[in-house]
C-alpha atoms as a PDB file:
ATOM      1  CA  MET A   1     169.489 -80.565   2.194  1.00  0.00           C
ATOM      2  CA  GLN A   2     168.869 -76.905   3.005  1.00  0.00           C
ATOM      3  CA  ALA A   3     172.088 -76.689   5.023  1.00  0.00           C
ATOM      4  CA  ASP A   4     174.172 -77.622   1.976  1.00  0.00           C
ATOM      5  CA  THR A   5     172.608 -75.045  -0.323  1.00  0.00           C
ATOM      6  CA  GLN A   6     172.613 -72.497   2.494  1.00  0.00           C
ATOM      7  CA  VAL A   7     176.385 -72.824   2.892  1.00  0.00           C
ATOM      8  CA  TRP A   8     176.771 -72.600  -0.897  1.00  0.00           C
ATOM      9  CA  ARG A   9     174.722 -69.403  -0.969  1.00  0.00           C
ATOM     10  CA  GLN A  10     176.728 -67.898   1.874  1.00  0.00           C
ATOM     11  CA  LYS A  11     180.007 -68.569   0.065  1.00  0.00           C
ATOM     12  CA  ALA A  12     178.899 -66.726  -3.085  1.00  0.00           C
ATOM     13  CA  LYS A  13     180.973 -63.724  -4.108  1.00  0.00           C
ATOM     14  CA  TYR A  14     179.975 -61.183  -6.732  1.00  0.00           C
ATOM     15  CA  PHE A  15     181.516 -59.118  -9.509  1.00  0.00           C
ATOM     16  CA  ASP A  16     179.956 -56.504 -11.743  1.00  0.00           C
ATOM     17  CA  PHE A  17     179.432 -57.162 -15.448  1.00  0.00           C
ATOM     18  CA  GLN A  18     177.933 -54.266 -17.406  1.00  0.00           C
ATOM     19  CA  GLY A  19     175.864 -53.223 -14.406  1.00  0.00           C
ATOM     20  CA  HIS A  20     174.753 -56.754 -13.517  1.00  0.00           C
ATOM     21  CA  GLN A  21     175.825 -58.668 -10.418  1.00  0.00           C
ATOM     22  CA  ILE A  22     177.311 -62.073 -11.232  1.00  0.00           C
ATOM     23  CA  ALA A  23     177.578 -64.653  -8.437  1.00  0.00           C
ATOM     24  CA  TYR A  24     180.704 -66.792  -8.415  1.00  0.00           C
ATOM     25  CA  TRP A  25     182.590 -69.305  -6.295  1.00  0.00           C
ATOM     26  CA  THR A  26     186.222 -70.350  -6.082  1.00  0.00           C
ATOM     27  CA  GLY A  27     187.893 -73.377  -4.542  1.00  0.00           C
ATOM     28  CA  GLU A  28     190.485 -73.203  -1.803  1.00  0.00           C
ATOM     29  CA  ASN A  29     193.324 -74.899  -3.723  1.00  0.00           C
ATOM     30  CA  THR A  30     194.599 -71.575  -5.084  1.00  0.00           C
ATOM     31  CA  ASN A  31     198.086 -72.838  -5.957  1.00  0.00           C
ATOM     32  CA  ALA A  32     196.764 -75.524  -8.315  1.00  0.00           C
ATOM     33  CA  ARG A  33     195.970 -75.107 -12.020  1.00  0.00           C
ATOM     34  CA  PRO A  34     192.647 -73.297 -12.510  1.00  0.00           C
ATOM     35  CA  LEU A  35     189.661 -75.297 -13.769  1.00  0.00           C
ATOM     36  CA  LEU A  36     186.738 -73.254 -15.077  1.00  0.00           C
ATOM     37  CA  LEU A  37     183.337 -74.918 -14.661  1.00  0.00           C
ATOM     38  CA  VAL A  38     180.455 -73.794 -16.905  1.00  0.00           C
ATOM     39  CA  HIS A  39     176.931 -74.932 -16.021  1.00  0.00           C
ATOM     40  CA  GLY A  40     173.820 -75.777 -18.035  1.00  0.00           C
ATOM     41  CA  TYR A  41     170.200 -74.725 -18.560  1.00  0.00           C
ATOM     42  CA  PRO A  42     168.020 -74.166 -16.587  1.00  0.00           C
ATOM     43  CA  THR A  43     170.170 -74.771 -13.535  1.00  0.00           C
ATOM     44  CA  CYS A  44     173.337 -73.091 -12.222  1.00  0.00           C
ATOM     45  CA  ALA A  45     176.768 -73.543 -10.660  1.00  0.00           C
ATOM     46  CA  TRP A  46     175.241 -75.758  -7.964  1.00  0.00           C
ATOM     47  CA  ASP A  47     175.271 -78.502 -10.640  1.00  0.00           C
ATOM     48  CA  PHE A  48     178.945 -79.060  -9.770  1.00  0.00           C
ATOM     49  CA  ALA A  49     178.482 -79.368  -5.995  1.00  0.00           C
ATOM     50  CA  SER A  50     178.714 -83.187  -6.119  1.00  0.00           C
ATOM     51  CA  VAL A  51     182.137 -83.122  -7.828  1.00  0.00           C
ATOM     52  CA  TRP A  52     183.464 -79.982  -6.117  1.00  0.00           C
ATOM     53  CA  GLU A  53     185.512 -81.682  -3.418  1.00  0.00           C
ATOM     54  CA  GLN A  54     187.000 -84.359  -5.680  1.00  0.00           C
ATOM     55  CA  LEU A  55     187.964 -81.942  -8.463  1.00  0.00           C
ATOM     56  CA  GLY A  56     189.092 -79.305  -5.987  1.00  0.00           C
ATOM     57  CA  ALA A  57     191.737 -81.602  -4.512  1.00  0.00           C
ATOM     58  CA  ASP A  58     193.818 -81.203  -7.690  1.00  0.00           C
ATOM     59  CA  HIS A  59     192.550 -77.947  -9.206  1.00  0.00           C
ATOM     60  CA  HIS A  60     191.687 -74.359  -8.353  1.00  0.00           C
ATOM     61  CA  LEU A  61     187.975 -74.377  -9.156  1.00  0.00           C
ATOM     62  CA  ILE A  62     186.188 -71.334 -10.593  1.00  0.00           C
ATOM     63  CA  VAL A  63     182.494 -71.193 -11.428  1.00  0.00           C
ATOM     64  CA  CYS A  64     179.787 -68.565 -11.778  1.00  0.00           C
ATOM     65  CA  ASP A  65     176.056 -68.467 -12.198  1.00  0.00           C
ATOM     66  CA  MET A  66     175.743 -67.040 -15.685  1.00  0.00           C
ATOM     67  CA  LEU A  67     173.487 -64.066 -16.366  1.00  0.00           C
ATOM     68  CA  GLY A  68     169.866 -65.116 -15.838  1.00  0.00           C
ATOM     69  CA  PHE A  69     170.746 -68.160 -13.726  1.00  0.00           C
ATOM     70  CA  GLY A  70     170.979 -69.031 -10.041  1.00  0.00           C
ATOM     71  CA  LEU A  71     171.960 -66.157  -7.767  1.00  0.00           C
ATOM     72  CA  SER A  72     173.110 -63.828 -10.556  1.00  0.00           C
ATOM     73  CA  ASP A  73     170.985 -60.973 -11.874  1.00  0.00           C
ATOM     74  CA  LYS A  74     168.100 -61.952 -14.153  1.00  0.00           C
ATOM     75  CA  PRO A  75     167.288 -59.132 -16.589  1.00  0.00           C
ATOM     76  CA  ARG A  76     164.252 -59.467 -18.840  1.00  0.00           C
ATOM     77  CA  SER A  77     166.275 -59.503 -22.068  1.00  0.00           C
ATOM     78  CA  GLY A  78     169.722 -59.300 -23.629  1.00  0.00           C
ATOM     79  CA  TYR A  79     170.885 -62.910 -23.544  1.00  0.00           C
ATOM     80  CA  SER A  80     173.331 -64.596 -25.901  1.00  0.00           C
ATOM     81  CA  ILE A  81     176.018 -67.259 -25.756  1.00  0.00           C
ATOM     82  CA  HIS A  82     178.532 -64.602 -26.786  1.00  0.00           C
ATOM     83  CA  LYS A  83     177.605 -62.452 -23.772  1.00  0.00           C
ATOM     84  CA  GLN A  84     177.918 -65.458 -21.477  1.00  0.00           C
ATOM     85  CA  ALA A  85     181.382 -66.122 -22.937  1.00  0.00           C
ATOM     86  CA  ASP A  86     182.214 -62.469 -22.240  1.00  0.00           C
ATOM     87  CA  ILE A  87     181.142 -63.049 -18.634  1.00  0.00           C
ATOM     88  CA  GLN A  88     183.457 -66.055 -18.322  1.00  0.00           C
ATOM     89  CA  GLN A  89     186.357 -63.972 -19.615  1.00  0.00           C
ATOM     90  CA  ALA A  90     185.428 -61.124 -17.259  1.00  0.00           C
ATOM     91  CA  GLN A  91     185.357 -63.550 -14.338  1.00  0.00           C
ATOM     92  CA  LEU A  92     188.825 -64.854 -15.188  1.00  0.00           C
ATOM     93  CA  ALA A  93     190.132 -61.303 -15.539  1.00  0.00           C
ATOM     94  CA  HIS A  94     188.521 -60.313 -12.231  1.00  0.00           C
ATOM     95  CA  LEU A  95     190.396 -63.167 -10.544  1.00  0.00           C
ATOM     96  CA  GLY A  96     193.649 -62.541 -12.405  1.00  0.00           C
ATOM     97  CA  ILE A  97     193.571 -65.993 -14.016  1.00  0.00           C
ATOM     98  CA  GLY A  98     195.797 -66.582 -17.043  1.00  0.00           C
ATOM     99  CA  LYS A  99     196.065 -70.230 -18.027  1.00  0.00           C
ATOM    100  CA  PHE A 100     193.139 -72.545 -17.266  1.00  0.00           C
ATOM    101  CA  ASP A 101     191.320 -75.721 -18.301  1.00  0.00           C
ATOM    102  CA  ALA A 102     187.529 -76.013 -18.547  1.00  0.00           C
ATOM    103  CA  LEU A 103     184.709 -78.467 -17.821  1.00  0.00           C
ATOM    104  CA  VAL A 104     181.459 -77.485 -19.554  1.00  0.00           C
ATOM    105  CA  HIS A 105     177.918 -78.889 -19.554  1.00  0.00           C
ATOM    106  CA  ASP A 106     174.700 -78.443 -21.553  1.00  0.00           C
ATOM    107  CA  TYR A 107     174.193 -74.689 -22.249  1.00  0.00           C
ATOM    108  CA  GLY A 108     177.827 -74.341 -21.154  1.00  0.00           C
ATOM    109  CA  VAL A 109     179.104 -76.476 -24.044  1.00  0.00           C
ATOM    110  CA  SER A 110     178.223 -73.638 -26.428  1.00  0.00           C
ATOM    111  CA  VAL A 111     180.034 -71.156 -24.185  1.00  0.00           C
ATOM    112  CA  GLY A 112     183.038 -73.490 -24.237  1.00  0.00           C
ATOM    113  CA  GLN A 113     182.920 -73.780 -28.024  1.00  0.00           C
ATOM    114  CA  GLU A 114     182.775 -69.988 -28.348  1.00  0.00           C
ATOM    115  CA  LEU A 115     185.803 -69.635 -26.053  1.00  0.00           C
ATOM    116  CA  LEU A 116     187.659 -72.179 -28.216  1.00  0.00           C
ATOM    117  CA  ALA A 117     186.688 -70.268 -31.366  1.00  0.00           C
ATOM    118  CA  ARG A 118     187.915 -66.998 -29.856  1.00  0.00           C
ATOM    119  CA  GLN A 119     191.207 -68.573 -28.888  1.00  0.00           C
ATOM    120  CA  GLN A 120     191.732 -69.915 -32.400  1.00  0.00           C
ATOM    121  CA  SER A 121     190.901 -66.570 -34.018  1.00  0.00           C
ATOM    122  CA  GLY A 122     192.971 -64.588 -31.516  1.00  0.00           C
ATOM    123  CA  ASP A 123     189.929 -62.740 -30.144  1.00  0.00           C
ATOM    124  CA  GLY A 124     190.024 -64.018 -26.559  1.00  0.00           C
ATOM    125  CA  ALA A 125     190.596 -66.829 -24.074  1.00  0.00           C
ATOM    126  CA  PRO A 126     194.326 -67.103 -24.879  1.00  0.00           C
ATOM    127  CA  GLY A 127     194.985 -69.134 -21.745  1.00  0.00           C
ATOM    128  CA  LEU A 128     192.450 -71.901 -22.453  1.00  0.00           C
ATOM    129  CA  GLY A 129     194.113 -75.306 -22.260  1.00  0.00           C
ATOM    130  CA  GLN A 130     192.164 -78.554 -22.237  1.00  0.00           C
ATOM    131  CA  ILE A 131     188.379 -78.524 -22.358  1.00  0.00           C
ATOM    132  CA  ILE A 132     186.124 -81.410 -21.338  1.00  0.00           C
ATOM    133  CA  PHE A 133     182.523 -81.491 -22.508  1.00  0.00           C
ATOM    134  CA  LEU A 134     179.610 -83.146 -20.731  1.00  0.00           C
ATOM    135  CA  ASN A 135     176.204 -83.808 -22.328  1.00  0.00           C
ATOM    136  CA  GLY A 136     174.958 -80.861 -24.349  1.00  0.00           C
ATOM    137  CA  GLY A 137     173.977 -79.592 -27.786  1.00  0.00           C
ATOM    138  CA  ILE A 138     177.473 -79.614 -29.246  1.00  0.00           C
ATOM    139  CA  PHE A 139     175.974 -80.487 -32.624  1.00  0.00           C
ATOM    140  CA  PRO A 140     172.654 -78.688 -33.282  1.00  0.00           C
ATOM    141  CA  ASP A 141     171.413 -81.390 -35.651  1.00  0.00           C
ATOM    142  CA  GLN A 142     171.702 -83.945 -32.834  1.00  0.00           C
ATOM    143  CA  HIS A 143     169.852 -81.876 -30.216  1.00  0.00           C
ATOM    144  CA  ARG A 144     166.444 -83.329 -29.328  1.00  0.00           C
ATOM    145  CA  PRO A 145     164.582 -80.752 -27.220  1.00  0.00           C
ATOM    146  CA  VAL A 146     162.150 -81.795 -24.508  1.00  0.00           C
ATOM    147  CA  THR A 147     158.569 -80.494 -24.516  1.00  0.00           C
ATOM    148  CA  MET A 148     159.436 -77.636 -22.161  1.00  0.00           C
ATOM    149  CA  GLN A 149     162.074 -76.373 -24.599  1.00  0.00           C
ATOM    150  CA  LYS A 150     159.751 -76.717 -27.589  1.00  0.00           C
ATOM    151  CA  ILE A 151     157.153 -74.541 -25.853  1.00  0.00           C
ATOM    152  CA  GLY A 152     159.801 -72.051 -24.792  1.00  0.00           C
ATOM    153  CA  VAL A 153     161.031 -71.313 -28.314  1.00  0.00           C
ATOM    154  CA  SER A 154     157.532 -71.148 -29.816  1.00  0.00           C
ATOM    155  CA  PRO A 155     155.490 -67.935 -30.219  1.00  0.00           C
ATOM    156  CA  PHE A 156     153.870 -68.955 -26.925  1.00  0.00           C
ATOM    157  CA  GLY A 157     157.195 -69.092 -25.094  1.00  0.00           C
ATOM    158  CA  PHE A 158     156.043 -66.579 -22.492  1.00  0.00           C
ATOM    159  CA  LEU A 159     153.605 -69.240 -21.238  1.00  0.00           C
ATOM    160  CA  LEU A 160     156.572 -71.295 -20.068  1.00  0.00           C
ATOM    161  CA  GLY A 161     157.421 -68.646 -17.507  1.00  0.00           C
ATOM    162  CA  LEU A 162     153.804 -68.220 -16.452  1.00  0.00           C
ATOM    163  CA  LEU A 163     153.058 -71.927 -16.108  1.00  0.00           C
ATOM    164  CA  MET A 164     156.336 -73.229 -14.717  1.00  0.00           C
ATOM    165  CA  ASN A 165     156.207 -74.223 -11.064  1.00  0.00           C
ATOM    166  CA  ARG A 166     158.042 -76.696  -8.851  1.00  0.00           C
ATOM    167  CA  GLU A 167     155.783 -79.625  -9.787  1.00  0.00           C
ATOM    168  CA  ARG A 168     155.948 -79.102 -13.557  1.00  0.00           C
ATOM    169  CA  PHE A 169     159.672 -78.460 -13.375  1.00  0.00           C
ATOM    170  CA  GLY A 170     160.225 -81.711 -11.471  1.00  0.00           C
ATOM    171  CA  GLN A 171     158.254 -83.732 -14.001  1.00  0.00           C
ATOM    172  CA  SER A 172     160.066 -82.282 -17.014  1.00  0.00           C
ATOM    173  CA  PHE A 173     163.559 -82.175 -15.496  1.00  0.00           C
ATOM    174  CA  SER A 174     163.464 -85.760 -14.255  1.00  0.00           C
ATOM    175  CA  GLN A 175     162.848 -87.012 -17.803  1.00  0.00           C
ATOM    176  CA  VAL A 176     166.420 -86.242 -18.888  1.00  0.00           C
ATOM    177  CA  PHE A 177     168.038 -88.332 -16.145  1.00  0.00           C
ATOM    178  CA  GLY A 178     168.847 -92.031 -16.347  1.00  0.00           C
ATOM    179  CA  PRO A 179     166.095 -94.398 -15.132  1.00  0.00           C
ATOM    180  CA  ASN A 180     168.062 -95.365 -12.007  1.00  0.00           C
ATOM    181  CA  THR A 181     169.674 -91.996 -11.273  1.00  0.00           C
ATOM    182  CA  LYS A 182     166.722 -89.610 -11.153  1.00  0.00           C
ATOM    183  CA  PRO A 183     166.881 -86.737  -8.662  1.00  0.00           C
ATOM    184  CA  SER A 184     165.098 -87.132  -5.336  1.00  0.00           C
ATOM    185  CA  PRO A 185     162.335 -84.692  -4.340  1.00  0.00           C
ATOM    186  CA  GLU A 186     164.873 -82.973  -2.081  1.00  0.00           C
ATOM    187  CA  GLU A 187     167.340 -82.564  -4.945  1.00  0.00           C
ATOM    188  CA  LEU A 188     164.597 -81.201  -7.186  1.00  0.00           C
ATOM    189  CA  ASP A 189     163.775 -78.690  -4.435  1.00  0.00           C
ATOM    190  CA  GLN A 190     167.400 -77.561  -4.480  1.00  0.00           C
ATOM    191  CA  PHE A 191     167.496 -77.075  -8.231  1.00  0.00           C
ATOM    192  CA  TRP A 192     164.145 -75.289  -8.207  1.00  0.00           C
ATOM    193  CA  ASP A 193     165.137 -72.915  -5.394  1.00  0.00           C
ATOM    194  CA  PHE A 194     168.004 -71.594  -7.514  1.00  0.00           C
ATOM    195  CA  ILE A 195     165.867 -71.366 -10.665  1.00  0.00           C
ATOM    196  CA  ALA A 196     163.057 -69.528  -8.869  1.00  0.00           C
ATOM    197  CA  HIS A 197     165.448 -67.161  -7.064  1.00  0.00           C
ATOM    198  CA  ASN A 198     164.563 -63.583  -7.991  1.00  0.00           C
ATOM    199  CA  SER A 199     161.668 -64.877 -10.166  1.00  0.00           C
ATOM    200  CA  GLY A 200     164.028 -66.652 -12.539  1.00  0.00           C
ATOM    201  CA  ASN A 201     161.291 -69.108 -13.502  1.00  0.00           C
ATOM    202  CA  ARG A 202     159.554 -66.194 -15.250  1.00  0.00           C
ATOM    203  CA  ILE A 203     162.405 -65.793 -17.746  1.00  0.00           C
ATOM    204  CA  MET A 204     163.116 -69.451 -18.542  1.00  0.00           C
ATOM    205  CA  HIS A 205     161.930 -68.960 -22.132  1.00  0.00           C
ATOM    206  CA  LYS A 206     164.315 -65.992 -22.554  1.00  0.00           C
ATOM    207  CA  LEU A 207     167.262 -68.254 -21.743  1.00  0.00           C
ATOM    208  CA  LEU A 208     166.389 -70.632 -24.582  1.00  0.00           C
ATOM    209  CA  HIS A 209     168.066 -68.197 -27.009  1.00  0.00           C
ATOM    210  CA  TYR A 210     170.938 -70.678 -27.092  1.00  0.00           C
ATOM    211  CA  ILE A 211     169.008 -73.020 -29.402  1.00  0.00           C
ATOM    212  CA  ALA A 212     168.939 -70.350 -32.131  1.00  0.00           C
ATOM    213  CA  ASP A 213     172.526 -69.314 -31.297  1.00  0.00           C
ATOM    214  CA  ARG A 214     173.681 -72.876 -31.910  1.00  0.00           C
ATOM    215  CA  ARG A 215     172.084 -73.019 -35.333  1.00  0.00           C
ATOM    216  CA  MET A 216     173.456 -69.609 -36.298  1.00  0.00           C
ATOM    217  CA  HIS A 217     177.034 -70.364 -35.216  1.00  0.00           C
ATOM    218  CA  LYS A 218     177.078 -74.071 -36.075  1.00  0.00           C
ATOM    219  CA  ASP A 219     179.951 -73.876 -38.566  1.00  0.00           C
ATOM    220  CA  ARG A 220     182.109 -71.658 -36.332  1.00  0.00           C
ATOM    221  CA  TRP A 221     181.618 -73.802 -33.238  1.00  0.00           C
ATOM    222  CA  GLU A 222     182.112 -77.141 -34.961  1.00  0.00           C
ATOM    223  CA  ALA A 223     185.245 -75.814 -36.668  1.00  0.00           C
ATOM    224  CA  ALA A 224     186.523 -74.848 -33.216  1.00  0.00           C
ATOM    225  CA  LEU A 225     186.258 -78.482 -32.142  1.00  0.00           C
ATOM    226  CA  ARG A 226     188.102 -79.746 -35.205  1.00  0.00           C
ATOM    227  CA  GLY A 227     190.836 -77.195 -34.576  1.00  0.00           C
ATOM    228  CA  ALA A 228     191.329 -78.430 -31.009  1.00  0.00           C
ATOM    229  CA  GLU A 229     190.981 -82.186 -31.398  1.00  0.00           C
ATOM    230  CA  SER A 230     194.073 -83.007 -29.365  1.00  0.00           C
ATOM    231  CA  LYS A 231     192.948 -81.119 -26.265  1.00  0.00           C
ATOM    232  CA  ILE A 232     189.223 -81.836 -26.005  1.00  0.00           C
ATOM    233  CA  GLY A 233     187.176 -84.731 -24.658  1.00  0.00           C
ATOM    234  CA  LEU A 234     183.539 -85.753 -24.162  1.00  0.00           C
ATOM    235  CA  ILE A 235     182.065 -87.567 -21.172  1.00  0.00           C
ATOM    236  CA  ASN A 236     178.558 -88.558 -22.233  1.00  0.00           C
ATOM    237  CA  GLY A 237     175.559 -90.067 -20.469  1.00  0.00           C
ATOM    238  CA  ALA A 238     174.185 -92.509 -23.057  1.00  0.00           C
ATOM    239  CA  LEU A 239     170.556 -92.516 -21.855  1.00  0.00           C
ATOM    240  CA  ASP A 240     170.072 -88.767 -22.151  1.00  0.00           C
ATOM    241  CA  PRO A 241     167.090 -88.231 -24.499  1.00  0.00           C
ATOM    242  CA  VAL A 242     168.357 -84.760 -25.454  1.00  0.00           C
ATOM    243  CA  SER A 243     172.042 -85.370 -26.243  1.00  0.00           C
ATOM    244  CA  GLY A 244     172.842 -88.966 -25.367  1.00  0.00           C
ATOM    245  CA  LYS A 245     174.421 -91.827 -27.336  1.00  0.00           C
ATOM    246  CA  HIS A 246     173.396 -90.262 -30.675  1.00  0.00           C
ATOM    247  CA  ALA A 247     175.403 -87.120 -29.830  1.00  0.00           C
ATOM    248  CA  TYR A 248     178.330 -89.232 -28.604  1.00  0.00           C
ATOM    249  CA  ASP A 249     178.393 -91.093 -31.941  1.00  0.00           C
ATOM    250  CA  LYS A 250     178.405 -87.757 -33.791  1.00  0.00           C
ATOM    251  CA  TRP A 251     181.350 -86.599 -31.661  1.00  0.00           C
ATOM    252  CA  ARG A 252     183.371 -89.661 -32.639  1.00  0.00           C
ATOM    253  CA  GLU A 253     182.547 -89.003 -36.289  1.00  0.00           C
ATOM    254  CA  VAL A 254     183.373 -85.271 -36.333  1.00  0.00           C
ATOM    255  CA  VAL A 255     186.449 -85.310 -34.064  1.00  0.00           C
ATOM    256  CA  PRO A 256     187.760 -88.895 -34.274  1.00  0.00           C
ATOM    257  CA  GLY A 257     191.045 -87.924 -32.655  1.00  0.00           C
ATOM    258  CA  ALA A 258     189.412 -86.467 -29.544  1.00  0.00           C
ATOM    259  CA  ARG A 259     188.944 -88.344 -26.287  1.00  0.00           C
ATOM    260  CA  HIS A 260     185.566 -89.854 -25.445  1.00  0.00           C
ATOM    261  CA  HIS A 261     183.998 -91.746 -22.556  1.00  0.00           C
ATOM    262  CA  LEU A 262     180.468 -93.178 -22.542  1.00  0.00           C
ATOM    263  CA  LEU A 263     178.431 -93.743 -19.375  1.00  0.00           C
ATOM    264  CA  PRO A 264     175.919 -96.439 -20.454  1.00  0.00           C
ATOM    265  CA  THR A 265     173.349 -96.048 -17.649  1.00  0.00           C
ATOM    266  CA  ILE A 266     173.509 -92.259 -17.136  1.00  0.00           C
ATOM    267  CA  GLY A 267     171.382 -89.422 -18.512  1.00  0.00           C
ATOM    268  CA  HIS A 268     171.853 -85.714 -19.181  1.00  0.00           C
ATOM    269  CA  TYR A 269     173.539 -84.680 -15.904  1.00  0.00           C
ATOM    270  CA  PRO A 270     176.610 -86.952 -15.578  1.00  0.00           C
ATOM    271  CA  GLN A 271     178.250 -84.849 -12.858  1.00  0.00           C
ATOM    272  CA  VAL A 272     175.090 -85.182 -10.741  1.00  0.00           C
ATOM    273  CA  GLU A 273     174.184 -88.783 -11.607  1.00  0.00           C
ATOM    274  CA  ALA A 274     177.684 -90.339 -11.527  1.00  0.00           C
ATOM    275  CA  PRO A 275     179.864 -87.763  -9.740  1.00  0.00           C
ATOM    276  CA  GLU A 276     182.685 -90.057  -8.689  1.00  0.00           C
ATOM    277  CA  GLU A 277     183.159 -91.621 -12.118  1.00  0.00           C
ATOM    278  CA  VAL A 278     182.932 -88.254 -13.873  1.00  0.00           C
ATOM    279  CA  ALA A 279     185.383 -86.571 -11.508  1.00  0.00           C
ATOM    280  CA  ALA A 280     187.836 -89.475 -11.811  1.00  0.00           C
ATOM    281  CA  LYS A 281     187.744 -89.319 -15.631  1.00  0.00           C
ATOM    282  CA  VAL A 282     188.137 -85.520 -15.638  1.00  0.00           C
ATOM    283  CA  LEU A 283     191.155 -85.760 -13.326  1.00  0.00           C
ATOM    284  CA  GLU A 284     192.657 -88.559 -15.450  1.00  0.00           C
ATOM    285  CA  TRP A 285     192.356 -86.527 -18.652  1.00  0.00           C
ATOM    286  CA  LEU A 286     193.585 -83.271 -17.144  1.00  0.00           C
ATOM    287  CA  ALA A 287     196.584 -84.987 -15.576  1.00  0.00           C
END
């Protein structure tokens, strides 16, 4: 377990964004079409480790730990989905990437929607091709926050950072997985190590800004989906209590022409719970 994450940590590279160090990783298939991976909350780029090899056989993979996550810097304030989208664009520019596709999850779905909106308005991400969404709050009215998130956005949000430890994290995090695909204690240790890196557990409530961002930019981000129906798709774990089958049904209603694939026994982390099936579907759609 530790060896895997240790190798991952050692392979991290860094670029500067407005005085902050952002950790990133790239695959070895540099001649293939770039595929940008965007992770969720409260985890990090390590979320894609289980699909890295399979996706990397056909694509040049690019992923970073966004600001406040994983091995990247974790300032006490200044978070927004727009800034995280800026970081994705800065990463692509740093690597000299023009055209690319994207696979986005959870918190990352909002970053993906913002990149789509920028492309459509001519404000950025001109090279964005296809984008595949995994479980996340694509539609704010379908998002059902867990207790940890409810505390985090309340006036007592600071308590989340003070009270959160490995045990409480494991209990809360495991709830969003499918009943037969819950993370092992060793896997929970891995996730927690990245969260707690550089005292990141103390700012978990700060990173919940995305819930308000989604409400504020709902019309813009949903319009972005409707404007890109032919090049987007959703792979959804049906048993996710946060954004499961109910969110999948909303997707089919709002963008009926977009691709969709339901995983009946999977929860909120499809790429972790069903990596082979998810990677195969991503490769099929991007082909």
